[in-house]
Protein backbone atom coordinates (compact mmCIF):
# COMPACT_ATOMS: atom_id res chain seq x y z
CA LEU A 1 79.97 -31.50 -29.10
CA ILE A 2 77.31 -33.26 -27.06
CA ILE A 3 79.83 -35.73 -25.68
CA ILE A 4 82.13 -32.89 -24.63
CA SER A 5 79.25 -31.13 -22.90
CA VAL A 6 78.44 -34.29 -20.91
CA TYR A 7 81.83 -33.97 -19.22
CA VAL A 8 82.47 -30.21 -19.24
CA ILE A 9 79.14 -28.91 -17.90
CA PRO A 10 79.37 -31.00 -14.70
CA ILE A 11 82.89 -29.65 -14.19
CA LEU A 12 81.54 -26.12 -14.51
CA LEU A 13 78.74 -26.97 -12.07
CA LEU A 14 81.40 -27.78 -9.45
CA PHE A 15 81.88 -24.03 -8.98
CA HIS A 16 78.26 -23.54 -7.93
CA SER A 17 77.67 -24.37 -4.28
CA LYS A 18 74.20 -25.89 -4.67
CA LEU A 19 74.32 -27.35 -8.18
CA CYS A 20 77.56 -29.26 -7.62
CA TYR A 21 75.61 -32.04 -5.90
CA VAL A 22 73.33 -32.66 -8.87
CA ASN A 23 75.92 -32.56 -11.66
CA TRP A 24 75.36 -36.28 -12.21
CA LEU A 25 71.85 -35.52 -13.51
CA TYR A 26 73.10 -33.82 -16.68
CA PRO A 27 74.30 -37.03 -18.41
CA ILE A 28 70.93 -38.66 -17.64
CA ILE A 29 69.09 -35.76 -19.26
CA VAL A 30 71.32 -35.91 -22.35
CA TYR A 31 70.91 -39.71 -22.43
CA TYR A 32 67.14 -39.51 -22.67
CA PHE A 33 67.08 -36.68 -25.21
CA ASN A 34 69.50 -38.55 -27.50
CA SER A 35 68.06 -42.01 -27.05
CA ASN A 36 68.51 -43.00 -30.70
CA LYS A 37 72.29 -42.43 -30.89
CA LYS A 38 74.25 -45.32 -29.40
CA HIS A 39 77.58 -43.49 -29.38
CA ILE A 40 76.21 -40.63 -27.29
CA LYS A 41 74.34 -43.02 -24.99
CA TYR A 42 77.59 -44.91 -24.33
CA TYR A 43 79.44 -41.76 -23.24
CA CYS A 44 76.46 -40.54 -21.22
CA LYS A 45 76.55 -43.79 -19.25
CA LYS A 46 80.28 -43.43 -18.76
CA ALA A 47 79.94 -39.81 -17.63
CA PHE A 48 77.07 -40.68 -15.29
CA ILE A 49 79.08 -43.42 -13.59
CA LEU A 50 82.10 -41.14 -13.18
CA GLN A 51 80.06 -38.27 -11.79
CA PHE A 52 77.97 -40.46 -9.51
CA ILE A 53 81.11 -42.01 -7.99
CA TYR A 54 82.49 -38.51 -7.47
CA PHE A 55 79.21 -37.50 -5.81
CA ILE A 56 79.29 -40.53 -3.48
CA LEU A 57 82.91 -39.85 -2.53
CA ASN A 58 82.11 -36.21 -1.74
CA ILE A 59 79.18 -37.22 0.45
CA PHE A 60 81.46 -39.71 2.20
CA PHE A 61 84.07 -37.02 2.87
CA ILE A 62 81.42 -34.59 4.15
CA ILE A 63 80.09 -37.22 6.56
CA LEU A 64 83.65 -38.09 7.62
CA ILE A 65 84.49 -34.45 8.32
CA LYS A 66 81.26 -34.01 10.27
CA TYR A 67 82.01 -37.14 12.33
CA LEU A 68 85.60 -36.06 13.00
CA ILE A 69 84.54 -32.58 14.08
CA ASN A 70 81.89 -34.00 16.41
CA TYR A 71 84.50 -36.36 17.84
CA ALA A 72 87.03 -33.55 18.23
CA LEU A 73 84.58 -31.41 20.17
CA ARG A 74 84.15 -34.17 22.78
CA ILE A 75 87.82 -34.56 23.66
CA PRO A 76 89.61 -32.35 26.23
CA TYR A 77 91.73 -30.33 23.74
CA PRO A 78 89.67 -30.07 20.54
CA ILE A 79 91.77 -27.32 18.97
CA TYR A 80 94.60 -29.72 18.07
CA THR A 81 92.28 -32.23 16.47
CA LEU A 82 90.41 -29.51 14.58
CA LYS A 83 93.72 -28.16 13.26
CA LEU A 84 94.65 -31.68 12.17
CA ILE A 85 91.34 -32.08 10.36
CA SER A 86 91.68 -28.69 8.69
CA THR A 87 95.18 -29.62 7.57
CA PHE A 88 94.44 -32.98 5.95
CA MET A 89 90.87 -32.87 4.65
CA PRO A 90 91.06 -30.02 2.09
CA PRO A 91 93.93 -31.67 0.17
CA ILE A 92 92.03 -34.96 0.13
CA ILE A 93 88.93 -33.28 -1.27
CA PHE A 94 91.09 -31.36 -3.77
CA ILE A 95 92.72 -34.61 -4.93
CA ASN A 96 89.27 -36.17 -5.33
CA THR A 97 88.14 -33.24 -7.49
CA ALA A 98 91.38 -33.22 -9.47
CA ILE A 99 91.00 -36.92 -10.27
CA PHE A 100 87.42 -36.27 -11.40
CA VAL A 101 88.51 -33.44 -13.72
CA ILE A 102 91.47 -35.40 -15.12
CA LEU A 103 89.32 -38.46 -15.81
CA SER A 104 86.69 -36.28 -17.46
CA PHE A 105 89.25 -34.75 -19.80
CA SER A 106 90.77 -38.13 -20.56
CA TYR A 107 87.30 -39.43 -21.50
CA ILE A 108 86.81 -36.40 -23.75
CA ILE A 109 90.12 -37.13 -25.48
CA ASN A 110 89.14 -40.81 -25.81
CA ALA A 111 85.81 -39.86 -27.38
CA TYR A 112 87.51 -37.47 -29.78
CA ASN A 113 90.10 -40.09 -30.82
CA GLU A 114 87.41 -42.71 -31.44
CA LYS A 115 85.35 -40.33 -33.52
CA TYR A 116 88.18 -39.12 -35.78
């Protein structure tokens, strides 16, 4: 149950606008409270790495969008560039989130299969 929570709670935190950027802290907290159980520590490390990579990718996409918008506002016809950005960036961010969720569920299934 603890291993499932390490993956599911950060997914639920994605729906909160402020807490979605600190969802990688939850596996660290669980790691230190269950420091005597090697199996849980292993999956906490795995969950932390997955969630931290997701966090870094999101920050990268936010910076990229900010840079592209600033660039678009300096060219003569910014509306076309802004429409292009608004067309391509949401699917990229959605794919990033979908990969995160799919990997989280695959790690949950892996943990369940190893345990039973």
